[in-house]
Amino acid sequence: MGMREPVPTEHERSAADLYREAVLVQHEAAKSAHQGLFCFDDSRYVMSGGNIIQSILALAGEGIDKVHIAVDWEHLLMVALWTSARPPVFDVISLLKKTGVGEAELLPFKAADINDLFPWLYYGRKFDVLRKVCSVAKAKTEAKITGKYVPVICHLLSDDTERIVASSL
C-alpha cells in the first residue's frame, strides 16, 4: 500500500493561492526548457506577445509576486536595454563593455548583427558575460515595474540547444 500525499490545510491552500509566480516565455521551446528545470505547472506560463516590454509590464500589472523571463539572446538584449525595438549593435557593444568585455575583443563586431555576438560568447565559453547580461535585464525589469517590488529572474535560451544557458540566479 503506497503512502498518500497529505491534504493541504485551508491555511496552506490560501497561502499558495495568494502567492503568484509566473513565467513569461518567448515560445514553446522556452517553456519546455524552463519547465524541465523548474517543474512549474502549465498554468504558470504566459507566452509573450510581439512586444516583450509590453508583455512584461502587462504581466506585472496582473499582481504577480515573482516573474521569470525565459527568452533568446535578442529578446534578452531588448529587456536589458529596455526597448521594444531590436537594439542597435552600438548599444549592445556598450552593454557588453559594461559587463567587462574589452573594447579590442568587440572591435570585429562593430558592424555585425547583434545575433552574431551570442555564438561568440556562448561557444567562447564566456558564461560570466551571459550571466551579467541576464542580471542587467533582471535589474532593469525590477526598476521598471512600478507599484510594488516584484522579484525577477531572467533566463537566456540558446536556439541551437533549446536549453537555458545562463540565468540571473
N, C-alpha and C. Protein backbone atom coordinates (compact mmCIF):
# COMPACT_ATOMS: atom_id res chain seq x y z
N MET A 1 0.83 -1.17 0.00
CA MET A 1 0.00 0.00 0.00
C MET A 1 0.88 1.24 0.00
N GLY A 2 0.69 2.16 -0.96
CA GLY A 2 1.52 3.36 -1.10
C GLY A 2 1.12 4.43 -0.11
N MET A 3 2.05 5.32 0.13
CA MET A 3 1.76 6.44 1.03
C MET A 3 0.97 7.50 0.27
N ARG A 4 0.04 8.11 0.96
CA ARG A 4 -0.78 9.16 0.35
C ARG A 4 -0.22 10.52 0.69
N GLU A 5 -0.36 11.42 -0.26
CA GLU A 5 0.06 12.80 -0.04
C GLU A 5 -0.81 13.43 1.04
N PRO A 6 -0.24 14.18 1.96
CA PRO A 6 -1.07 14.86 2.95
C PRO A 6 -1.92 15.93 2.27
N VAL A 7 -3.11 16.08 2.74
CA VAL A 7 -4.03 17.08 2.19
C VAL A 7 -3.66 18.43 2.80
N PRO A 8 -3.44 19.45 1.94
CA PRO A 8 -3.07 20.77 2.48
C PRO A 8 -4.19 21.33 3.35
N THR A 9 -3.79 22.03 4.40
CA THR A 9 -4.77 22.69 5.25
C THR A 9 -5.32 23.89 4.51
N GLU A 10 -6.41 24.44 5.01
CA GLU A 10 -7.00 25.62 4.38
C GLU A 10 -6.00 26.77 4.37
N HIS A 11 -5.24 26.92 5.45
CA HIS A 11 -4.24 27.98 5.53
C HIS A 11 -3.16 27.78 4.46
N GLU A 12 -2.69 26.55 4.29
CA GLU A 12 -1.66 26.27 3.29
C GLU A 12 -2.19 26.53 1.88
N ARG A 13 -3.44 26.15 1.63
CA ARG A 13 -4.04 26.38 0.31
C ARG A 13 -4.18 27.87 0.04
N SER A 14 -4.65 28.62 1.03
CA SER A 14 -4.86 30.04 0.79
C SER A 14 -3.52 30.77 0.63
N ALA A 15 -2.48 30.36 1.35
CA ALA A 15 -1.17 30.99 1.21
C ALA A 15 -0.62 30.72 -0.19
N ALA A 16 -0.78 29.51 -0.69
CA ALA A 16 -0.31 29.18 -2.03
C ALA A 16 -1.10 29.94 -3.10
N ASP A 17 -2.38 30.12 -2.87
CA ASP A 17 -3.21 30.84 -3.82
C ASP A 17 -2.88 32.33 -3.84
N LEU A 18 -2.41 32.86 -2.71
CA LEU A 18 -2.11 34.28 -2.63
C LEU A 18 -0.80 34.64 -3.32
N TYR A 19 0.15 33.72 -3.33
CA TYR A 19 1.46 33.97 -3.94
C TYR A 19 1.40 33.54 -5.39
N ARG A 20 1.66 34.47 -6.30
CA ARG A 20 1.54 34.18 -7.72
C ARG A 20 2.89 34.37 -8.40
N GLU A 21 3.46 33.27 -8.87
CA GLU A 21 4.72 33.28 -9.60
C GLU A 21 4.43 32.87 -11.03
N ALA A 22 4.90 33.66 -11.99
CA ALA A 22 4.61 33.38 -13.39
C ALA A 22 5.89 33.38 -14.21
N VAL A 23 5.82 32.72 -15.36
CA VAL A 23 6.97 32.65 -16.26
C VAL A 23 6.54 33.20 -17.61
N LEU A 24 7.20 34.28 -18.03
CA LEU A 24 6.96 34.84 -19.35
C LEU A 24 7.94 34.16 -20.30
N VAL A 25 7.40 33.45 -21.28
CA VAL A 25 8.25 32.71 -22.22
C VAL A 25 8.03 33.22 -23.63
N GLN A 26 9.06 33.09 -24.42
CA GLN A 26 9.02 33.58 -25.79
C GLN A 26 8.28 32.61 -26.71
N HIS A 27 8.44 31.32 -26.46
CA HIS A 27 7.82 30.31 -27.31
C HIS A 27 7.77 28.98 -26.57
N GLU A 28 7.20 27.99 -27.20
CA GLU A 28 7.01 26.68 -26.58
C GLU A 28 8.33 26.05 -26.15
N ALA A 29 9.39 26.22 -26.95
CA ALA A 29 10.70 25.66 -26.59
C ALA A 29 11.22 26.28 -25.29
N ALA A 30 10.98 27.58 -25.11
CA ALA A 30 11.39 28.26 -23.88
C ALA A 30 10.61 27.70 -22.68
N LYS A 31 9.34 27.47 -22.88
CA LYS A 31 8.52 26.89 -21.82
C LYS A 31 9.05 25.51 -21.45
N SER A 32 9.32 24.70 -22.44
CA SER A 32 9.81 23.34 -22.21
C SER A 32 11.15 23.36 -21.48
N ALA A 33 12.06 24.23 -21.89
CA ALA A 33 13.38 24.32 -21.24
C ALA A 33 13.23 24.75 -19.78
N HIS A 34 12.40 25.75 -19.53
CA HIS A 34 12.20 26.24 -18.17
C HIS A 34 11.51 25.18 -17.32
N GLN A 35 10.48 24.57 -17.87
CA GLN A 35 9.72 23.58 -17.13
C GLN A 35 10.57 22.35 -16.79
N GLY A 36 11.51 22.02 -17.67
CA GLY A 36 12.41 20.90 -17.40
C GLY A 36 13.29 21.13 -16.18
N LEU A 37 13.60 22.38 -15.90
CA LEU A 37 14.44 22.70 -14.74
C LEU A 37 13.63 23.03 -13.49
N PHE A 38 12.49 23.69 -13.66
CA PHE A 38 11.75 24.21 -12.51
C PHE A 38 10.47 23.45 -12.18
N CYS A 39 9.99 22.63 -13.10
CA CYS A 39 8.81 21.79 -12.86
C CYS A 39 7.57 22.58 -12.46
N PHE A 40 7.38 23.75 -13.04
CA PHE A 40 6.19 24.55 -12.76
C PHE A 40 5.00 23.95 -13.50
N ASP A 41 3.83 24.18 -12.96
CA ASP A 41 2.58 23.78 -13.59
C ASP A 41 2.36 24.60 -14.86
N ASP A 42 1.72 24.00 -15.86
CA ASP A 42 1.44 24.68 -17.14
C ASP A 42 0.76 26.03 -16.95
N SER A 43 -0.07 26.13 -15.92
CA SER A 43 -0.85 27.36 -15.72
C SER A 43 0.02 28.57 -15.38
N ARG A 44 1.25 28.37 -15.00
CA ARG A 44 2.14 29.48 -14.63
C ARG A 44 2.83 30.12 -15.83
N TYR A 45 2.71 29.51 -17.00
CA TYR A 45 3.43 30.00 -18.19
C TYR A 45 2.55 30.93 -19.02
N VAL A 46 3.16 32.04 -19.43
CA VAL A 46 2.48 33.03 -20.25
C VAL A 46 3.36 33.29 -21.47
N MET A 47 2.78 33.15 -22.65
CA MET A 47 3.53 33.44 -23.88
C MET A 47 3.60 34.95 -24.06
N SER A 48 4.80 35.44 -24.36
CA SER A 48 4.94 36.87 -24.59
C SER A 48 4.36 37.21 -25.96
N GLY A 49 3.89 38.41 -26.07
CA GLY A 49 3.37 38.86 -27.35
C GLY A 49 4.51 39.37 -28.22
N GLY A 50 4.18 40.13 -29.23
CA GLY A 50 5.18 40.66 -30.13
C GLY A 50 6.08 41.71 -29.50
N ASN A 51 5.64 42.32 -28.40
CA ASN A 51 6.41 43.36 -27.73
C ASN A 51 6.78 42.86 -26.33
N ILE A 52 8.03 42.47 -26.15
CA ILE A 52 8.46 41.86 -24.88
C ILE A 52 8.30 42.83 -23.70
N ILE A 53 8.57 44.10 -23.91
CA ILE A 53 8.45 45.08 -22.83
C ILE A 53 7.00 45.21 -22.38
N GLN A 54 6.09 45.35 -23.34
CA GLN A 54 4.66 45.44 -23.01
C GLN A 54 4.17 44.16 -22.34
N SER A 55 4.67 43.01 -22.77
CA SER A 55 4.28 41.73 -22.15
C SER A 55 4.71 41.68 -20.69
N ILE A 56 5.92 42.16 -20.40
CA ILE A 56 6.41 42.18 -19.02
C ILE A 56 5.54 43.10 -18.17
N LEU A 57 5.29 44.31 -18.67
CA LEU A 57 4.50 45.28 -17.91
C LEU A 57 3.07 44.81 -17.70
N ALA A 58 2.49 44.16 -18.72
CA ALA A 58 1.13 43.64 -18.59
C ALA A 58 1.07 42.54 -17.53
N LEU A 59 2.05 41.65 -17.55
CA LEU A 59 2.09 40.56 -16.57
C LEU A 59 2.26 41.12 -15.16
N ALA A 60 3.15 42.07 -15.00
CA ALA A 60 3.37 42.69 -13.69
C ALA A 60 2.11 43.41 -13.21
N GLY A 61 1.36 43.97 -14.15
CA GLY A 61 0.12 44.67 -13.81
C GLY A 61 -0.98 43.75 -13.31
N GLU A 62 -0.80 42.46 -13.49
CA GLU A 62 -1.80 41.49 -13.01
C GLU A 62 -1.58 41.11 -11.55
N GLY A 63 -0.66 41.77 -10.88
CA GLY A 63 -0.45 41.49 -9.46
C GLY A 63 0.43 40.29 -9.19
N ILE A 64 1.29 39.97 -10.13
CA ILE A 64 2.21 38.84 -9.96
C ILE A 64 3.21 39.16 -8.85
N ASP A 65 3.62 38.14 -8.08
CA ASP A 65 4.56 38.34 -6.98
C ASP A 65 6.00 38.08 -7.39
N LYS A 66 6.21 37.26 -8.43
CA LYS A 66 7.56 36.95 -8.91
C LYS A 66 7.44 36.57 -10.38
N VAL A 67 8.41 37.04 -11.18
CA VAL A 67 8.37 36.79 -12.62
C VAL A 67 9.68 36.15 -13.07
N HIS A 68 9.56 35.11 -13.84
CA HIS A 68 10.70 34.54 -14.57
C HIS A 68 10.51 34.97 -16.02
N ILE A 69 11.59 35.31 -16.68
CA ILE A 69 11.55 35.66 -18.10
C ILE A 69 12.52 34.72 -18.81
N ALA A 70 12.00 33.93 -19.76
CA ALA A 70 12.83 32.96 -20.50
C ALA A 70 12.77 33.30 -21.98
N VAL A 71 13.89 33.85 -22.49
CA VAL A 71 13.92 34.36 -23.87
C VAL A 71 15.26 34.07 -24.54
N ASP A 72 15.29 34.32 -25.84
CA ASP A 72 16.54 34.17 -26.59
C ASP A 72 17.40 35.42 -26.44
N TRP A 73 18.56 35.40 -27.06
CA TRP A 73 19.54 36.48 -26.95
C TRP A 73 18.98 37.85 -27.35
N GLU A 74 18.37 37.92 -28.51
CA GLU A 74 17.86 39.21 -28.99
C GLU A 74 16.84 39.80 -28.03
N HIS A 75 15.93 38.97 -27.53
CA HIS A 75 14.91 39.47 -26.61
C HIS A 75 15.49 39.79 -25.23
N LEU A 76 16.51 39.05 -24.82
CA LEU A 76 17.18 39.39 -23.56
C LEU A 76 17.83 40.77 -23.67
N LEU A 77 18.43 41.05 -24.83
CA LEU A 77 19.02 42.37 -25.05
C LEU A 77 17.95 43.46 -25.03
N MET A 78 16.80 43.18 -25.59
CA MET A 78 15.70 44.16 -25.56
C MET A 78 15.32 44.48 -24.12
N VAL A 79 15.27 43.45 -23.28
CA VAL A 79 14.92 43.65 -21.87
C VAL A 79 16.04 44.40 -21.15
N ALA A 80 17.27 43.97 -21.36
CA ALA A 80 18.41 44.60 -20.68
C ALA A 80 18.55 46.07 -21.07
N LEU A 81 18.22 46.39 -22.31
CA LEU A 81 18.32 47.78 -22.79
C LEU A 81 16.96 48.49 -22.74
N TRP A 82 15.96 47.78 -22.28
CA TRP A 82 14.57 48.25 -22.11
C TRP A 82 14.07 48.98 -23.35
N THR A 83 14.00 48.22 -24.43
CA THR A 83 13.50 48.74 -25.69
C THR A 83 12.60 47.71 -26.36
N SER A 84 11.56 48.19 -27.00
CA SER A 84 10.65 47.29 -27.72
C SER A 84 11.17 46.97 -29.12
N ALA A 85 12.14 47.74 -29.56
CA ALA A 85 12.71 47.53 -30.89
C ALA A 85 14.02 46.74 -30.77
N ARG A 86 14.40 46.15 -31.86
CA ARG A 86 15.68 45.44 -31.91
C ARG A 86 16.79 46.46 -31.66
N PRO A 87 17.61 46.23 -30.63
CA PRO A 87 18.62 47.24 -30.29
C PRO A 87 19.74 47.31 -31.34
N PRO A 88 20.27 48.50 -31.56
CA PRO A 88 21.40 48.63 -32.49
C PRO A 88 22.67 48.01 -31.88
N VAL A 89 23.55 47.55 -32.74
CA VAL A 89 24.77 46.88 -32.29
C VAL A 89 25.60 47.80 -31.39
N PHE A 90 25.57 49.10 -31.64
CA PHE A 90 26.32 50.04 -30.81
C PHE A 90 25.89 49.92 -29.34
N ASP A 91 24.58 49.87 -29.10
CA ASP A 91 24.06 49.77 -27.73
C ASP A 91 24.44 48.43 -27.09
N VAL A 92 24.41 47.37 -27.89
CA VAL A 92 24.76 46.04 -27.38
C VAL A 92 26.25 45.99 -27.01
N ILE A 93 27.08 46.55 -27.86
CA ILE A 93 28.52 46.59 -27.57
C ILE A 93 28.78 47.41 -26.31
N SER A 94 28.08 48.52 -26.16
CA SER A 94 28.21 49.35 -24.96
C SER A 94 27.81 48.54 -23.71
N LEU A 95 26.73 47.79 -23.81
CA LEU A 95 26.29 46.94 -22.70
C LEU A 95 27.36 45.90 -22.37
N LEU A 96 27.92 45.27 -23.39
CA LEU A 96 28.92 44.23 -23.16
C LEU A 96 30.20 44.81 -22.55
N LYS A 97 30.55 46.03 -22.92
CA LYS A 97 31.71 46.69 -22.31
C LYS A 97 31.46 46.86 -20.82
N LYS A 98 30.23 47.22 -20.44
CA LYS A 98 29.90 47.41 -19.03
C LYS A 98 29.97 46.10 -18.24
N THR A 99 29.85 44.97 -18.94
CA THR A 99 29.95 43.67 -18.25
C THR A 99 31.39 43.19 -18.16
N GLY A 100 32.32 43.98 -18.72
CA GLY A 100 33.73 43.63 -18.59
C GLY A 100 34.40 43.14 -19.86
N VAL A 101 33.69 43.09 -20.97
CA VAL A 101 34.31 42.67 -22.22
C VAL A 101 35.17 43.82 -22.74
N GLY A 102 36.38 43.51 -23.16
CA GLY A 102 37.31 44.53 -23.63
C GLY A 102 36.93 45.09 -24.99
N GLU A 103 37.28 46.34 -25.19
CA GLU A 103 36.96 47.02 -26.45
C GLU A 103 37.61 46.32 -27.64
N ALA A 104 38.84 45.86 -27.47
CA ALA A 104 39.55 45.19 -28.58
C ALA A 104 38.83 43.90 -28.98
N GLU A 105 38.29 43.19 -28.01
CA GLU A 105 37.55 41.95 -28.31
C GLU A 105 36.28 42.22 -29.12
N LEU A 106 35.69 43.37 -28.89
CA LEU A 106 34.42 43.71 -29.54
C LEU A 106 34.59 44.40 -30.89
N LEU A 107 35.80 44.83 -31.20
CA LEU A 107 36.06 45.55 -32.44
C LEU A 107 35.56 44.82 -33.69
N PRO A 108 35.76 43.50 -33.81
CA PRO A 108 35.27 42.81 -35.02
C PRO A 108 33.74 42.84 -35.17
N PHE A 109 33.03 43.16 -34.12
CA PHE A 109 31.57 43.13 -34.14
C PHE A 109 30.95 44.51 -34.34
N LYS A 110 31.79 45.52 -34.57
CA LYS A 110 31.32 46.90 -34.68
C LYS A 110 30.20 47.07 -35.71
N ALA A 111 30.29 46.33 -36.80
CA ALA A 111 29.27 46.44 -37.86
C ALA A 111 28.49 45.14 -38.01
N ALA A 112 28.56 44.27 -37.02
CA ALA A 112 27.91 42.95 -37.10
C ALA A 112 26.44 43.02 -36.71
N ASP A 113 25.74 41.97 -36.97
CA ASP A 113 24.38 41.80 -36.48
C ASP A 113 24.46 41.45 -34.99
N ILE A 114 23.51 41.91 -34.20
CA ILE A 114 23.56 41.64 -32.75
C ILE A 114 23.54 40.15 -32.44
N ASN A 115 22.91 39.36 -33.31
CA ASN A 115 22.84 37.92 -33.07
C ASN A 115 24.17 37.22 -33.33
N ASP A 116 25.13 37.91 -33.98
CA ASP A 116 26.46 37.34 -34.19
C ASP A 116 27.27 37.32 -32.89
N LEU A 117 26.88 38.12 -31.93
CA LEU A 117 27.60 38.19 -30.66
C LEU A 117 27.33 36.97 -29.77
N PHE A 118 26.13 36.44 -29.85
CA PHE A 118 25.80 35.31 -28.97
C PHE A 118 26.68 34.09 -29.21
N PRO A 119 26.85 33.61 -30.45
CA PRO A 119 27.71 32.43 -30.65
C PRO A 119 29.14 32.68 -30.16
N TRP A 120 29.64 33.89 -30.37
CA TRP A 120 30.98 34.23 -29.91
C TRP A 120 31.07 34.10 -28.38
N LEU A 121 30.06 34.57 -27.68
CA LEU A 121 30.05 34.48 -26.22
C LEU A 121 29.80 33.05 -25.74
N TYR A 122 28.83 32.39 -26.36
CA TYR A 122 28.44 31.05 -25.92
C TYR A 122 29.53 30.01 -26.21
N TYR A 123 29.94 29.93 -27.46
CA TYR A 123 30.94 28.93 -27.83
C TYR A 123 32.33 29.31 -27.34
N GLY A 124 32.52 30.60 -27.05
CA GLY A 124 33.76 31.07 -26.44
C GLY A 124 33.76 30.88 -24.93
N ARG A 125 32.70 30.27 -24.43
CA ARG A 125 32.54 29.93 -23.01
C ARG A 125 32.63 31.16 -22.09
N LYS A 126 32.08 32.26 -22.57
CA LYS A 126 32.06 33.50 -21.78
C LYS A 126 30.73 33.57 -21.00
N PHE A 127 30.50 32.53 -20.20
CA PHE A 127 29.24 32.41 -19.47
C PHE A 127 29.09 33.49 -18.41
N ASP A 128 30.21 33.99 -17.89
CA ASP A 128 30.13 35.08 -16.91
C ASP A 128 29.51 36.32 -17.55
N VAL A 129 29.83 36.58 -18.81
CA VAL A 129 29.26 37.73 -19.52
C VAL A 129 27.77 37.49 -19.75
N LEU A 130 27.40 36.29 -20.17
CA LEU A 130 25.98 35.97 -20.40
C LEU A 130 25.18 36.12 -19.11
N ARG A 131 25.74 35.67 -17.98
CA ARG A 131 25.07 35.82 -16.69
C ARG A 131 24.92 37.30 -16.31
N LYS A 132 25.96 38.08 -16.61
CA LYS A 132 25.90 39.52 -16.29
C LYS A 132 24.82 40.21 -17.12
N VAL A 133 24.66 39.82 -18.38
CA VAL A 133 23.60 40.42 -19.20
C VAL A 133 22.24 40.02 -18.63
N CYS A 134 22.10 38.77 -18.18
CA CYS A 134 20.86 38.34 -17.53
C CYS A 134 20.60 39.18 -16.28
N SER A 135 21.64 39.46 -15.52
CA SER A 135 21.49 40.26 -14.30
C SER A 135 21.13 41.71 -14.61
N VAL A 136 21.67 42.25 -15.70
CA VAL A 136 21.30 43.60 -16.12
C VAL A 136 19.82 43.63 -16.49
N ALA A 137 19.37 42.61 -17.23
CA ALA A 137 17.95 42.53 -17.63
C ALA A 137 17.06 42.42 -16.39
N LYS A 138 17.48 41.63 -15.42
CA LYS A 138 16.74 41.48 -14.17
C LYS A 138 16.61 42.82 -13.45
N ALA A 139 17.74 43.51 -13.27
CA ALA A 139 17.74 44.79 -12.56
C ALA A 139 16.91 45.84 -13.31
N LYS A 140 17.03 45.87 -14.62
CA LYS A 140 16.27 46.84 -15.42
C LYS A 140 14.77 46.59 -15.27
N THR A 141 14.38 45.31 -15.35
CA THR A 141 12.96 44.97 -15.23
C THR A 141 12.42 45.31 -13.85
N GLU A 142 13.17 44.95 -12.81
CA GLU A 142 12.71 45.26 -11.45
C GLU A 142 12.56 46.77 -11.25
N ALA A 143 13.44 47.55 -11.87
CA ALA A 143 13.37 49.01 -11.74
C ALA A 143 12.18 49.59 -12.52
N LYS A 144 11.78 48.95 -13.60
CA LYS A 144 10.72 49.49 -14.46
C LYS A 144 9.32 49.06 -14.02
N ILE A 145 9.23 48.00 -13.23
CA ILE A 145 7.91 47.58 -12.73
C ILE A 145 7.55 48.49 -11.57
N THR A 146 6.44 49.19 -11.72
CA THR A 146 6.04 50.15 -10.69
C THR A 146 4.91 49.57 -9.84
N GLY A 147 4.71 50.18 -8.71
CA GLY A 147 3.61 49.78 -7.83
C GLY A 147 4.10 49.00 -6.63
N LYS A 148 4.77 47.89 -6.88
CA LYS A 148 5.33 47.10 -5.78
C LYS A 148 6.56 46.39 -6.30
N TYR A 149 7.42 45.99 -5.38
CA TYR A 149 8.63 45.27 -5.78
C TYR A 149 8.25 43.87 -6.25
N VAL A 150 8.67 43.53 -7.44
CA VAL A 150 8.43 42.20 -8.00
C VAL A 150 9.79 41.60 -8.35
N PRO A 151 10.21 40.56 -7.64
CA PRO A 151 11.48 39.93 -7.99
C PRO A 151 11.40 39.30 -9.39
N VAL A 152 12.49 39.42 -10.13
CA VAL A 152 12.55 38.93 -11.50
C VAL A 152 13.76 38.03 -11.64
N ILE A 153 13.60 36.94 -12.38
CA ILE A 153 14.71 36.08 -12.75
C ILE A 153 14.71 35.99 -14.26
N CYS A 154 15.83 36.31 -14.88
CA CYS A 154 15.94 36.25 -16.34
C CYS A 154 16.76 35.03 -16.75
N HIS A 155 16.25 34.32 -17.73
CA HIS A 155 16.91 33.12 -18.25
C HIS A 155 17.17 33.31 -19.74
N LEU A 156 18.37 32.98 -20.17
CA LEU A 156 18.74 33.06 -21.57
C LEU A 156 18.73 31.68 -22.19
N LEU A 157 18.02 31.57 -23.31
CA LEU A 157 17.95 30.28 -24.01
C LEU A 157 18.80 30.32 -25.27
N SER A 158 19.38 29.18 -25.56
CA SER A 158 20.09 29.02 -26.83
C SER A 158 19.12 28.42 -27.82
N ASP A 159 18.98 29.05 -28.97
CA ASP A 159 18.09 28.50 -30.01
C ASP A 159 18.64 27.18 -30.54
N ASP A 160 19.96 27.03 -30.52
CA ASP A 160 20.57 25.79 -31.02
C ASP A 160 20.22 24.59 -30.16
N THR A 161 20.35 24.75 -28.86
CA THR A 161 20.16 23.62 -27.94
C THR A 161 18.77 23.60 -27.31
N GLU A 162 18.04 24.72 -27.42
CA GLU A 162 16.74 24.88 -26.76
C GLU A 162 16.86 24.59 -25.26
N ARG A 163 17.94 25.11 -24.68
CA ARG A 163 18.18 24.97 -23.25
C ARG A 163 18.52 26.33 -22.65
N ILE A 164 18.31 26.43 -21.36
CA ILE A 164 18.72 27.63 -20.65
C ILE A 164 20.24 27.55 -20.48
N VAL A 165 20.94 28.59 -20.96
CA VAL A 165 22.41 28.56 -20.91
C VAL A 165 22.98 29.58 -19.93
N ALA A 166 22.15 30.50 -19.47
CA ALA A 166 22.58 31.47 -18.47
C ALA A 166 21.35 32.01 -17.75
N SER A 167 21.58 32.51 -16.54
CA SER A 167 20.47 32.98 -15.74
C SER A 167 20.96 34.05 -14.76
N SER A 168 20.03 34.84 -14.27
CA SER A 168 20.36 35.85 -13.26
C SER A 168 20.30 35.28 -11.85
N LEU A 169 20.06 34.00 -11.73
CA LEU A 169 20.00 33.38 -10.40
C LEU A 169 21.32 33.48 -9.66
